[in-house]
């Protein structure tokens, strides 16, 4: 694999990880501001989404670490 191709892949994974972190941050913020008025189903969906996006972020971090 060429050096440029590797840099492009790492850059793409960093971009995706940044987007996932922004989504996690916004979901935590929403949950923090609306936990008293949100229904149980909304809270469960947000928590499950947080788990999924956290796993995606961890996977991307590991993938970047192995590429470097």
C-alpha atoms as a PDB file:
ATOM      1  CA  UNK A   1       0.000   0.000   0.000  1.00  0.00           C
ATOM      2  CA  UNK A   2       1.396   3.379  -0.928  1.00  0.00           C
ATOM      3  CA  UNK A   3       2.124   6.017   1.661  1.00  0.00           C
ATOM      4  CA  UNK A   4      -0.424   8.437   0.174  1.00  0.00           C
ATOM      5  CA  UNK A   5      -3.157   5.812   0.175  1.00  0.00           C
ATOM      6  CA  UNK A   6      -2.436   5.018   3.821  1.00  0.00           C
ATOM      7  CA  UNK A   7      -2.605   8.722   4.742  1.00  0.00           C
ATOM      8  CA  UNK A   8      -5.939   9.045   2.935  1.00  0.00           C
ATOM      9  CA  UNK A   9      -7.395   6.039   4.783  1.00  0.00           C
ATOM     10  CA  UNK A  10      -6.228   7.359   8.146  1.00  0.00           C
ATOM     11  CA  UNK A  11      -7.700  10.769   7.321  1.00  0.00           C
ATOM     12  CA  UNK A  12     -11.039   9.196   6.377  1.00  0.00           C
ATOM     13  CA  UNK A  13     -11.146   7.138   9.574  1.00  0.00           C
ATOM     14  CA  UNK A  14     -10.331  10.261  11.619  1.00  0.00           C
ATOM     15  CA  UNK A  15     -13.166  12.126   9.901  1.00  0.00           C
ATOM     16  CA  UNK A  16     -15.625   9.308  10.611  1.00  0.00           C
ATOM     17  CA  UNK A  17     -14.468   9.097  14.210  1.00  0.00           C
ATOM     18  CA  UNK A  18     -14.935  12.860  14.628  1.00  0.00           C
ATOM     19  CA  UNK A  19     -18.469  12.640  13.226  1.00  0.00           C
ATOM     20  CA  UNK A  20     -19.289   9.747  15.574  1.00  0.00           C
ATOM     21  CA  UNK A  21     -17.928  11.708  18.541  1.00  0.00           C
ATOM     22  CA  UNK A  22     -20.052  14.732  17.575  1.00  0.00           C
ATOM     23  CA  UNK A  23     -23.141  12.517  17.427  1.00  0.00           C
ATOM     24  CA  UNK A  24     -22.316  11.008  20.833  1.00  0.00           C
ATOM     25  CA  UNK A  25     -21.827  14.468  22.316  1.00  0.00           C
ATOM     26  CA  UNK A  26     -25.126  15.744  20.939  1.00  0.00           C
ATOM     27  CA  UNK A  27     -27.020  12.677  22.188  1.00  0.00           C
ATOM     28  CA  UNK A  28     -25.554  13.028  25.692  1.00  0.00           C
ATOM     29  CA  UNK A  29     -26.448  16.721  25.651  1.00  0.00           C
ATOM     30  CA  UNK A  30     -30.011  15.974  24.575  1.00  0.00           C
ATOM     31  CA  UNK A  31     -30.350  13.285  27.228  1.00  0.00           C
ATOM     32  CA  UNK A  32     -28.942  15.593  29.902  1.00  0.00           C
ATOM     33  CA  UNK A  33     -31.395  18.372  29.006  1.00  0.00           C
ATOM     34  CA  UNK A  34     -34.485  16.206  28.474  1.00  0.00           C
ATOM     35  CA  UNK A  35     -34.205  13.264  30.852  1.00  0.00           C
ATOM     36  CA  UNK A  36     -37.084  14.483  33.044  1.00  0.00           C
ATOM     37  CA  UNK A  37     -39.553  15.042  30.213  1.00  0.00           C
ATOM     38  CA  UNK A  38     -38.469  12.265  27.835  1.00  0.00           C
ATOM     39  CA  UNK A  39     -40.391   9.023  27.705  1.00  0.00           C
ATOM     40  CA  UNK A  40     -38.758   5.764  28.737  1.00  0.00           C
ATOM     41  CA  UNK A  41     -38.629   4.607  25.123  1.00  0.00           C
ATOM     42  CA  UNK A  42     -36.763   7.785  24.104  1.00  0.00           C
ATOM     43  CA  UNK A  43     -34.217   7.277  26.861  1.00  0.00           C
ATOM     44  CA  UNK A  44     -33.726   3.608  25.957  1.00  0.00           C
ATOM     45  CA  UNK A  45     -33.270   4.457  22.272  1.00  0.00           C
ATOM     46  CA  UNK A  46     -30.711   7.164  23.108  1.00  0.00           C
ATOM     47  CA  UNK A  47     -28.790   4.855  25.442  1.00  0.00           C
ATOM     48  CA  UNK A  48     -28.713   2.074  22.839  1.00  0.00           C
ATOM     49  CA  UNK A  49     -27.592   4.585  20.216  1.00  0.00           C
ATOM     50  CA  UNK A  50     -24.857   5.779  22.551  1.00  0.00           C
ATOM     51  CA  UNK A  51     -23.622   2.226  22.984  1.00  0.00           C
ATOM     52  CA  UNK A  52     -23.616   1.645  19.219  1.00  0.00           C
ATOM     53  CA  UNK A  53     -21.834   4.904  18.388  1.00  0.00           C
ATOM     54  CA  UNK A  54     -19.320   4.333  21.189  1.00  0.00           C
ATOM     55  CA  UNK A  55     -18.529   0.904  19.733  1.00  0.00           C
ATOM     56  CA  UNK A  56     -18.139   2.439  16.266  1.00  0.00           C
ATOM     57  CA  UNK A  57     -15.806   5.103  17.655  1.00  0.00           C
ATOM     58  CA  UNK A  58     -13.745   2.487  19.490  1.00  0.00           C
ATOM     59  CA  UNK A  59     -13.534   0.351  16.341  1.00  0.00           C
ATOM     60  CA  UNK A  60     -12.353   3.346  14.304  1.00  0.00           C
ATOM     61  CA  UNK A  61      -9.773   4.215  16.966  1.00  0.00           C
ATOM     62  CA  UNK A  62      -8.392   0.673  16.897  1.00  0.00           C
ATOM     63  CA  UNK A  63      -8.364   0.687  13.084  1.00  0.00           C
ATOM     64  CA  UNK A  64      -6.418   3.991  13.035  1.00  0.00           C
ATOM     65  CA  UNK A  65      -4.003   2.680  15.647  1.00  0.00           C
ATOM     66  CA  UNK A  66      -3.274  -0.440  13.566  1.00  0.00           C
ATOM     67  CA  UNK A  67      -2.766   1.632  10.407  1.00  0.00           C
ATOM     68  CA  UNK A  68      -0.203   3.845  12.118  1.00  0.00           C
END
